[in-house]
Structure formats: C-alpha cells, structure tokens
Amino acid sequence: MRTWAEGSLRTARIGLVGRASVADEIARAGGARLTDFKGYDRRVAMEVRTDPVALSECDVVIVTVKSTDTAKAVETLARRGDLAPIQ
C-alpha cells in the first residue's frame, strides 16, 4: 500500500517556496528528503524558489515560512486559483 506522500508526489511537479538559504541547500542536495510516519523516505526533485509566483506551473507547492508569514504566503499562492492548503 502506498503512503499519501508516495502516491501524491510520485508524478507531480513539485515546487517549494522558502528562503534563499533553503533553496540553495536543497539544490546542492539534489532535492528534498521527504518522510512520513509510515516509512516513506525518499529524496524528491523539486523546483525551489523564493517567489511563489515562479512556481505557478507546479502541481504541488510546499511552503516553508515562519508562522507569522503564513497568511501572506497563502494570500500570494491563492492568486493561482487552485489552492488547497494542507496543514
């Protein structure tokens, strides 16, 4: 049985919004390591940008911001028109 992460992210074009230092680290590593409580543990290639608008073609966008910036990030991404936040 596939986990949510494996089933959802296997073929998706993934983008991550984060600080420049996070983007650089993930780019050097060749992707982000994604895990879940059921044992999913894979390195997943993704586009990493500091501007969420640059990820408009991605199927899944992961946002890594401090809690005080969450509302602004969701507002920016909501302009895409197909936002389905999962927290």
N, C-alpha and C. Protein backbone atom coordinates (compact mmCIF):
# COMPACT_ATOMS: atom_id res chain seq x y z
N MET A 1 0.84 -1.18 0.00
CA MET A 1 0.00 0.00 0.00
C MET A 1 0.89 1.25 0.00
N ARG A 2 0.59 2.17 -0.89
CA ARG A 2 1.36 3.40 -0.97
C ARG A 2 0.94 4.37 0.13
N THR A 3 1.90 5.16 0.58
CA THR A 3 1.59 6.21 1.53
C THR A 3 1.04 7.40 0.76
N TRP A 4 0.46 8.36 1.48
CA TRP A 4 -0.05 9.56 0.83
C TRP A 4 1.06 10.25 0.06
N ALA A 5 2.20 10.41 0.69
CA ALA A 5 3.31 11.13 0.05
C ALA A 5 3.74 10.43 -1.22
N GLU A 6 3.90 9.14 -1.17
CA GLU A 6 4.36 8.41 -2.35
C GLU A 6 3.33 8.47 -3.47
N GLY A 7 2.08 8.25 -3.15
CA GLY A 7 1.04 8.28 -4.17
C GLY A 7 0.83 9.66 -4.76
N SER A 8 0.88 10.68 -3.94
CA SER A 8 0.61 12.04 -4.40
C SER A 8 1.79 12.69 -5.09
N LEU A 9 2.97 12.35 -4.68
CA LEU A 9 4.15 13.07 -5.18
C LEU A 9 4.96 12.32 -6.23
N ARG A 10 4.59 11.09 -6.51
CA ARG A 10 5.36 10.27 -7.45
C ARG A 10 5.49 10.93 -8.82
N THR A 11 4.42 11.48 -9.35
CA THR A 11 4.46 12.05 -10.69
C THR A 11 4.21 13.56 -10.72
N ALA A 12 4.01 14.15 -9.57
CA ALA A 12 3.70 15.58 -9.51
C ALA A 12 4.94 16.42 -9.77
N ARG A 13 4.73 17.57 -10.37
CA ARG A 13 5.78 18.58 -10.49
C ARG A 13 5.71 19.38 -9.20
N ILE A 14 6.78 19.32 -8.40
CA ILE A 14 6.76 19.87 -7.05
C ILE A 14 7.58 21.14 -6.99
N GLY A 15 7.05 22.11 -6.27
CA GLY A 15 7.76 23.35 -6.02
C GLY A 15 7.80 23.62 -4.53
N LEU A 16 8.84 24.27 -4.09
CA LEU A 16 8.96 24.63 -2.68
C LEU A 16 9.27 26.11 -2.60
N VAL A 17 8.55 26.82 -1.75
CA VAL A 17 8.80 28.24 -1.51
C VAL A 17 9.55 28.34 -0.19
N GLY A 18 10.70 28.98 -0.22
CA GLY A 18 11.48 29.12 1.00
C GLY A 18 12.52 30.21 0.88
N ARG A 19 13.26 30.40 1.95
CA ARG A 19 14.34 31.39 1.95
C ARG A 19 15.45 30.95 1.01
N ALA A 20 16.25 31.90 0.56
CA ALA A 20 17.34 31.62 -0.38
C ALA A 20 18.28 30.56 0.16
N SER A 21 18.56 30.57 1.46
CA SER A 21 19.47 29.59 2.03
C SER A 21 18.89 28.18 1.93
N VAL A 22 17.57 28.05 2.10
CA VAL A 22 16.90 26.75 1.98
C VAL A 22 16.96 26.28 0.52
N ALA A 23 16.68 27.20 -0.39
CA ALA A 23 16.71 26.87 -1.82
C ALA A 23 18.09 26.38 -2.23
N ASP A 24 19.12 27.06 -1.78
CA ASP A 24 20.50 26.67 -2.12
C ASP A 24 20.84 25.29 -1.57
N GLU A 25 20.45 25.03 -0.33
CA GLU A 25 20.75 23.74 0.29
C GLU A 25 20.06 22.59 -0.43
N ILE A 26 18.79 22.77 -0.78
CA ILE A 26 18.06 21.72 -1.48
C ILE A 26 18.62 21.50 -2.88
N ALA A 27 18.99 22.58 -3.54
CA ALA A 27 19.58 22.45 -4.88
C ALA A 27 20.89 21.67 -4.81
N ARG A 28 21.72 21.96 -3.83
CA ARG A 28 23.00 21.24 -3.67
C ARG A 28 22.78 19.76 -3.38
N ALA A 29 21.72 19.46 -2.64
CA ALA A 29 21.43 18.07 -2.25
C ALA A 29 20.74 17.29 -3.36
N GLY A 30 20.32 17.96 -4.42
CA GLY A 30 19.62 17.27 -5.50
C GLY A 30 18.16 16.99 -5.20
N GLY A 31 17.58 17.76 -4.30
CA GLY A 31 16.18 17.59 -3.94
C GLY A 31 16.00 17.58 -2.44
N ALA A 32 14.76 17.48 -2.01
CA ALA A 32 14.46 17.47 -0.58
C ALA A 32 14.15 16.05 -0.14
N ARG A 33 14.50 15.76 1.07
CA ARG A 33 14.18 14.46 1.65
C ARG A 33 12.80 14.55 2.27
N LEU A 34 11.88 13.74 1.79
CA LEU A 34 10.53 13.71 2.32
C LEU A 34 10.30 12.40 3.06
N THR A 35 9.73 12.50 4.23
CA THR A 35 9.42 11.32 5.04
C THR A 35 8.01 11.45 5.58
N ASP A 36 7.45 10.32 5.97
CA ASP A 36 6.19 10.34 6.71
C ASP A 36 6.23 9.27 7.78
N PHE A 37 5.22 9.25 8.61
CA PHE A 37 5.22 8.35 9.77
C PHE A 37 5.05 6.88 9.39
N LYS A 38 4.69 6.60 8.13
CA LYS A 38 4.51 5.21 7.69
C LYS A 38 5.76 4.63 7.04
N GLY A 39 6.83 5.40 7.01
CA GLY A 39 8.08 4.87 6.48
C GLY A 39 8.52 5.41 5.14
N TYR A 40 7.72 6.28 4.52
CA TYR A 40 8.14 6.89 3.26
C TYR A 40 9.40 7.69 3.53
N ASP A 41 10.43 7.47 2.76
CA ASP A 41 11.71 8.18 2.95
C ASP A 41 12.41 8.24 1.61
N ARG A 42 12.23 9.32 0.90
CA ARG A 42 12.80 9.47 -0.43
C ARG A 42 13.33 10.88 -0.64
N ARG A 43 14.31 11.00 -1.50
CA ARG A 43 14.77 12.32 -1.95
C ARG A 43 13.96 12.64 -3.19
N VAL A 44 13.31 13.77 -3.19
CA VAL A 44 12.41 14.16 -4.27
C VAL A 44 12.92 15.43 -4.94
N ALA A 45 13.07 15.36 -6.26
CA ALA A 45 13.48 16.55 -7.01
C ALA A 45 12.35 17.57 -6.99
N MET A 46 12.72 18.83 -6.86
CA MET A 46 11.71 19.88 -6.87
C MET A 46 12.34 21.21 -7.25
N GLU A 47 11.50 22.08 -7.74
CA GLU A 47 11.93 23.45 -8.01
C GLU A 47 11.83 24.20 -6.70
N VAL A 48 12.86 24.96 -6.36
CA VAL A 48 12.84 25.72 -5.12
C VAL A 48 13.02 27.19 -5.48
N ARG A 49 12.11 28.01 -5.03
CA ARG A 49 12.13 29.43 -5.34
C ARG A 49 11.80 30.25 -4.09
N THR A 50 12.22 31.49 -4.10
CA THR A 50 11.86 32.40 -3.01
C THR A 50 10.57 33.15 -3.34
N ASP A 51 10.17 33.15 -4.61
CA ASP A 51 8.95 33.84 -5.05
C ASP A 51 7.90 32.80 -5.45
N PRO A 52 6.79 32.71 -4.74
CA PRO A 52 5.78 31.70 -5.05
C PRO A 52 5.20 31.81 -6.46
N VAL A 53 5.18 32.99 -7.01
CA VAL A 53 4.63 33.19 -8.35
C VAL A 53 5.44 32.40 -9.39
N ALA A 54 6.73 32.22 -9.13
CA ALA A 54 7.61 31.49 -10.05
C ALA A 54 7.25 30.01 -10.13
N LEU A 55 6.43 29.53 -9.22
CA LEU A 55 6.07 28.11 -9.17
C LEU A 55 4.66 27.88 -9.70
N SER A 56 4.15 28.76 -10.50
CA SER A 56 2.76 28.68 -10.93
C SER A 56 2.44 27.45 -11.76
N GLU A 57 3.44 26.81 -12.35
CA GLU A 57 3.20 25.62 -13.17
C GLU A 57 3.29 24.32 -12.38
N CYS A 58 3.64 24.39 -11.11
CA CYS A 58 3.80 23.19 -10.30
C CYS A 58 2.45 22.61 -9.89
N ASP A 59 2.41 21.29 -9.75
CA ASP A 59 1.19 20.60 -9.28
C ASP A 59 1.03 20.73 -7.77
N VAL A 60 2.16 20.69 -7.06
CA VAL A 60 2.18 20.75 -5.61
C VAL A 60 3.20 21.82 -5.22
N VAL A 61 2.81 22.72 -4.31
CA VAL A 61 3.73 23.72 -3.81
C VAL A 61 3.82 23.57 -2.30
N ILE A 62 5.03 23.36 -1.81
CA ILE A 62 5.28 23.24 -0.38
C ILE A 62 5.81 24.58 0.09
N VAL A 63 5.23 25.11 1.15
CA VAL A 63 5.62 26.42 1.66
C VAL A 63 6.29 26.25 3.01
N THR A 64 7.47 26.82 3.14
CA THR A 64 8.19 26.76 4.41
C THR A 64 8.42 28.19 4.88
N VAL A 65 7.54 28.66 5.74
CA VAL A 65 7.66 30.01 6.27
C VAL A 65 7.45 29.98 7.78
N LYS A 66 7.86 31.04 8.43
CA LYS A 66 7.57 31.18 9.85
C LYS A 66 6.07 31.42 10.00
N SER A 67 5.51 31.04 11.14
CA SER A 67 4.07 31.11 11.32
C SER A 67 3.52 32.52 11.10
N THR A 68 4.29 33.54 11.40
CA THR A 68 3.83 34.91 11.21
C THR A 68 3.70 35.28 9.73
N ASP A 69 4.33 34.51 8.85
CA ASP A 69 4.28 34.78 7.41
C ASP A 69 3.31 33.87 6.66
N THR A 70 2.64 32.98 7.36
CA THR A 70 1.76 32.01 6.71
C THR A 70 0.63 32.69 5.94
N ALA A 71 -0.05 33.64 6.55
CA ALA A 71 -1.18 34.30 5.89
C ALA A 71 -0.74 34.97 4.60
N LYS A 72 0.40 35.64 4.62
CA LYS A 72 0.89 36.31 3.41
C LYS A 72 1.22 35.29 2.32
N ALA A 73 1.83 34.18 2.69
CA ALA A 73 2.18 33.15 1.71
C ALA A 73 0.92 32.56 1.08
N VAL A 74 -0.09 32.27 1.90
CA VAL A 74 -1.34 31.71 1.38
C VAL A 74 -2.02 32.72 0.47
N GLU A 75 -2.01 33.99 0.86
CA GLU A 75 -2.61 35.04 0.04
C GLU A 75 -1.94 35.09 -1.34
N THR A 76 -0.63 35.04 -1.36
CA THR A 76 0.11 35.08 -2.62
C THR A 76 -0.20 33.86 -3.48
N LEU A 77 -0.20 32.68 -2.87
CA LEU A 77 -0.47 31.47 -3.63
C LEU A 77 -1.93 31.37 -4.07
N ALA A 78 -2.83 31.97 -3.33
CA ALA A 78 -4.26 31.91 -3.67
C ALA A 78 -4.54 32.55 -5.01
N ARG A 79 -3.67 33.41 -5.47
CA ARG A 79 -3.84 34.02 -6.79
C ARG A 79 -3.81 32.99 -7.91
N ARG A 80 -3.27 31.82 -7.60
CA ARG A 80 -3.25 30.74 -8.60
C ARG A 80 -4.66 30.26 -8.90
N GLY A 81 -5.56 30.36 -7.93
CA GLY A 81 -6.94 29.97 -8.14
C GLY A 81 -7.24 28.52 -7.82
N ASP A 82 -6.23 27.71 -7.51
CA ASP A 82 -6.48 26.30 -7.24
C ASP A 82 -5.81 25.85 -5.94
N LEU A 83 -5.71 26.74 -5.00
CA LEU A 83 -5.03 26.46 -3.75
C LEU A 83 -5.85 25.55 -2.87
N ALA A 84 -5.23 24.50 -2.37
CA ALA A 84 -5.87 23.59 -1.43
C ALA A 84 -4.88 23.38 -0.29
N PRO A 85 -4.88 24.26 0.70
CA PRO A 85 -3.88 24.16 1.78
C PRO A 85 -4.09 22.94 2.65
N ILE A 86 -2.96 22.33 3.03
CA ILE A 86 -2.95 21.21 3.97
C ILE A 86 -1.99 21.59 5.07
N GLN A 87 -2.44 21.55 6.31
CA GLN A 87 -1.57 21.91 7.42
C GLN A 87 -1.37 20.75 8.33
